[in-house]
Amino acid sequence: MKYFEKLLKIKIEYLELRSIKNLKISNNVKDSRLFVAYYIDKVRLIDNF
C-alpha cells in the first residue's frame, strides 16, 4: 500500500478483500470483493469491486 500511496500521491484508509457471502476478510479472490477507501487531498473516495 505504501508503494501506491507514494506513486499516486494518495492516502489509503483501507484496502481489504472480503467474502461476498459474509463480508469477513478473505484470502481467496474467488467469491470475494475488494473494498477500498482513500484520500486525494481532503476528499475521501470509497468503492468496491
N, C-alpha and C. Protein backbone atom coordinates (compact mmCIF):
# COMPACT_ATOMS: atom_id res chain seq x y z
N MET A 1 0.82 -1.19 0.00
CA MET A 1 0.00 0.00 0.00
C MET A 1 0.87 1.26 0.00
N LYS A 2 1.96 1.20 0.72
CA LYS A 2 2.85 2.38 0.77
C LYS A 2 3.36 2.74 -0.62
N TYR A 3 3.62 1.73 -1.43
CA TYR A 3 4.08 1.96 -2.80
C TYR A 3 3.05 2.77 -3.59
N PHE A 4 1.79 2.35 -3.52
CA PHE A 4 0.73 3.05 -4.26
C PHE A 4 0.45 4.43 -3.68
N GLU A 5 0.55 4.57 -2.37
CA GLU A 5 0.36 5.90 -1.77
C GLU A 5 1.39 6.88 -2.30
N LYS A 6 2.62 6.44 -2.37
CA LYS A 6 3.68 7.32 -2.86
C LYS A 6 3.55 7.57 -4.37
N LEU A 7 3.30 6.50 -5.11
CA LEU A 7 3.20 6.61 -6.57
C LEU A 7 2.03 7.50 -6.99
N LEU A 8 0.87 7.32 -6.37
CA LEU A 8 -0.35 8.02 -6.77
C LEU A 8 -0.63 9.27 -5.94
N LYS A 9 0.21 9.51 -4.93
CA LYS A 9 0.05 10.67 -4.05
C LYS A 9 -1.32 10.69 -3.39
N ILE A 10 -1.66 9.54 -2.78
CA ILE A 10 -2.93 9.39 -2.08
C ILE A 10 -2.65 8.83 -0.69
N LYS A 11 -3.65 8.84 0.17
CA LYS A 11 -3.56 8.23 1.49
C LYS A 11 -4.63 7.15 1.56
N ILE A 12 -4.23 5.88 1.62
CA ILE A 12 -5.17 4.76 1.66
C ILE A 12 -5.63 4.55 3.10
N GLU A 13 -6.95 4.59 3.30
CA GLU A 13 -7.52 4.34 4.62
C GLU A 13 -7.67 2.84 4.86
N TYR A 14 -8.23 2.14 3.88
CA TYR A 14 -8.27 0.69 3.97
C TYR A 14 -8.33 0.09 2.57
N LEU A 15 -7.84 -1.14 2.46
CA LEU A 15 -7.83 -1.92 1.24
C LEU A 15 -7.98 -3.37 1.69
N GLU A 16 -9.19 -3.92 1.50
CA GLU A 16 -9.49 -5.24 2.05
C GLU A 16 -10.20 -6.12 1.04
N LEU A 17 -9.86 -7.39 1.05
CA LEU A 17 -10.53 -8.41 0.26
C LEU A 17 -11.50 -9.11 1.21
N ARG A 18 -12.80 -9.10 0.86
CA ARG A 18 -13.81 -9.67 1.75
C ARG A 18 -14.72 -10.63 1.00
N SER A 19 -15.16 -11.65 1.69
CA SER A 19 -16.07 -12.64 1.13
C SER A 19 -17.41 -12.00 0.80
N ILE A 20 -17.99 -12.36 -0.35
CA ILE A 20 -19.30 -11.81 -0.71
C ILE A 20 -20.42 -12.48 0.07
N LYS A 21 -20.14 -13.62 0.71
CA LYS A 21 -21.17 -14.34 1.46
C LYS A 21 -21.41 -13.75 2.84
N ASN A 22 -20.32 -13.38 3.55
CA ASN A 22 -20.47 -12.93 4.93
C ASN A 22 -19.65 -11.68 5.25
N LEU A 23 -18.98 -11.12 4.27
CA LEU A 23 -18.16 -9.91 4.39
C LEU A 23 -16.98 -10.04 5.36
N LYS A 24 -16.61 -11.26 5.69
CA LYS A 24 -15.41 -11.47 6.50
C LYS A 24 -14.18 -11.33 5.62
N ILE A 25 -13.07 -10.90 6.21
CA ILE A 25 -11.82 -10.76 5.46
C ILE A 25 -11.45 -12.11 4.86
N SER A 26 -11.03 -12.09 3.60
CA SER A 26 -10.77 -13.32 2.85
C SER A 26 -9.38 -13.30 2.24
N ASN A 27 -8.84 -14.47 2.02
CA ASN A 27 -7.58 -14.62 1.28
C ASN A 27 -7.83 -15.23 -0.09
N ASN A 28 -9.07 -15.49 -0.40
CA ASN A 28 -9.46 -16.14 -1.65
C ASN A 28 -10.10 -15.12 -2.58
N VAL A 29 -9.52 -14.93 -3.76
CA VAL A 29 -10.04 -13.95 -4.71
C VAL A 29 -11.41 -14.37 -5.24
N LYS A 30 -11.58 -15.67 -5.45
CA LYS A 30 -12.86 -16.15 -5.96
C LYS A 30 -13.94 -15.94 -4.90
N ASP A 31 -15.09 -15.46 -5.31
CA ASP A 31 -16.22 -15.19 -4.43
C ASP A 31 -15.91 -14.12 -3.39
N SER A 32 -15.05 -13.18 -3.74
CA SER A 32 -14.71 -12.07 -2.85
C SER A 32 -14.79 -10.76 -3.60
N ARG A 33 -14.82 -9.68 -2.84
CA ARG A 33 -14.81 -8.33 -3.42
C ARG A 33 -13.72 -7.53 -2.74
N LEU A 34 -13.21 -6.55 -3.47
CA LEU A 34 -12.17 -5.67 -2.96
C LEU A 34 -12.83 -4.38 -2.50
N PHE A 35 -12.58 -3.97 -1.25
CA PHE A 35 -13.11 -2.74 -0.68
C PHE A 35 -11.95 -1.79 -0.44
N VAL A 36 -12.13 -0.54 -0.84
CA VAL A 36 -11.05 0.43 -0.70
C VAL A 36 -11.62 1.81 -0.36
N ALA A 37 -10.90 2.51 0.50
CA ALA A 37 -11.20 3.92 0.79
C ALA A 37 -9.86 4.64 0.82
N TYR A 38 -9.82 5.80 0.20
CA TYR A 38 -8.58 6.56 0.17
C TYR A 38 -8.88 8.04 0.02
N TYR A 39 -7.88 8.84 0.32
CA TYR A 39 -7.99 10.29 0.23
C TYR A 39 -7.13 10.82 -0.90
N ILE A 40 -7.68 11.74 -1.64
CA ILE A 40 -6.93 12.57 -2.57
C ILE A 40 -7.10 13.98 -2.04
N ASP A 41 -6.02 14.54 -1.57
CA ASP A 41 -6.07 15.79 -0.82
C ASP A 41 -7.00 15.60 0.37
N LYS A 42 -8.10 16.34 0.44
CA LYS A 42 -9.02 16.21 1.58
C LYS A 42 -10.32 15.51 1.19
N VAL A 43 -10.36 14.93 0.01
CA VAL A 43 -11.56 14.25 -0.48
C VAL A 43 -11.43 12.75 -0.25
N ARG A 44 -12.42 12.16 0.45
CA ARG A 44 -12.40 10.72 0.72
C ARG A 44 -13.22 10.00 -0.34
N LEU A 45 -12.61 9.02 -0.97
CA LEU A 45 -13.26 8.24 -2.02
C LEU A 45 -13.37 6.79 -1.54
N ILE A 46 -14.53 6.17 -1.78
CA ILE A 46 -14.72 4.78 -1.41
C ILE A 46 -15.30 4.03 -2.61
N ASP A 47 -14.99 2.74 -2.67
CA ASP A 47 -15.50 1.92 -3.76
C ASP A 47 -15.36 0.46 -3.38
N ASN A 48 -16.07 -0.38 -4.11
CA ASN A 48 -15.86 -1.82 -4.01
C ASN A 48 -15.93 -2.38 -5.41
N PHE A 49 -15.14 -3.41 -5.62
CA PHE A 49 -15.02 -4.00 -6.96
C PHE A 49 -15.42 -5.45 -6.91
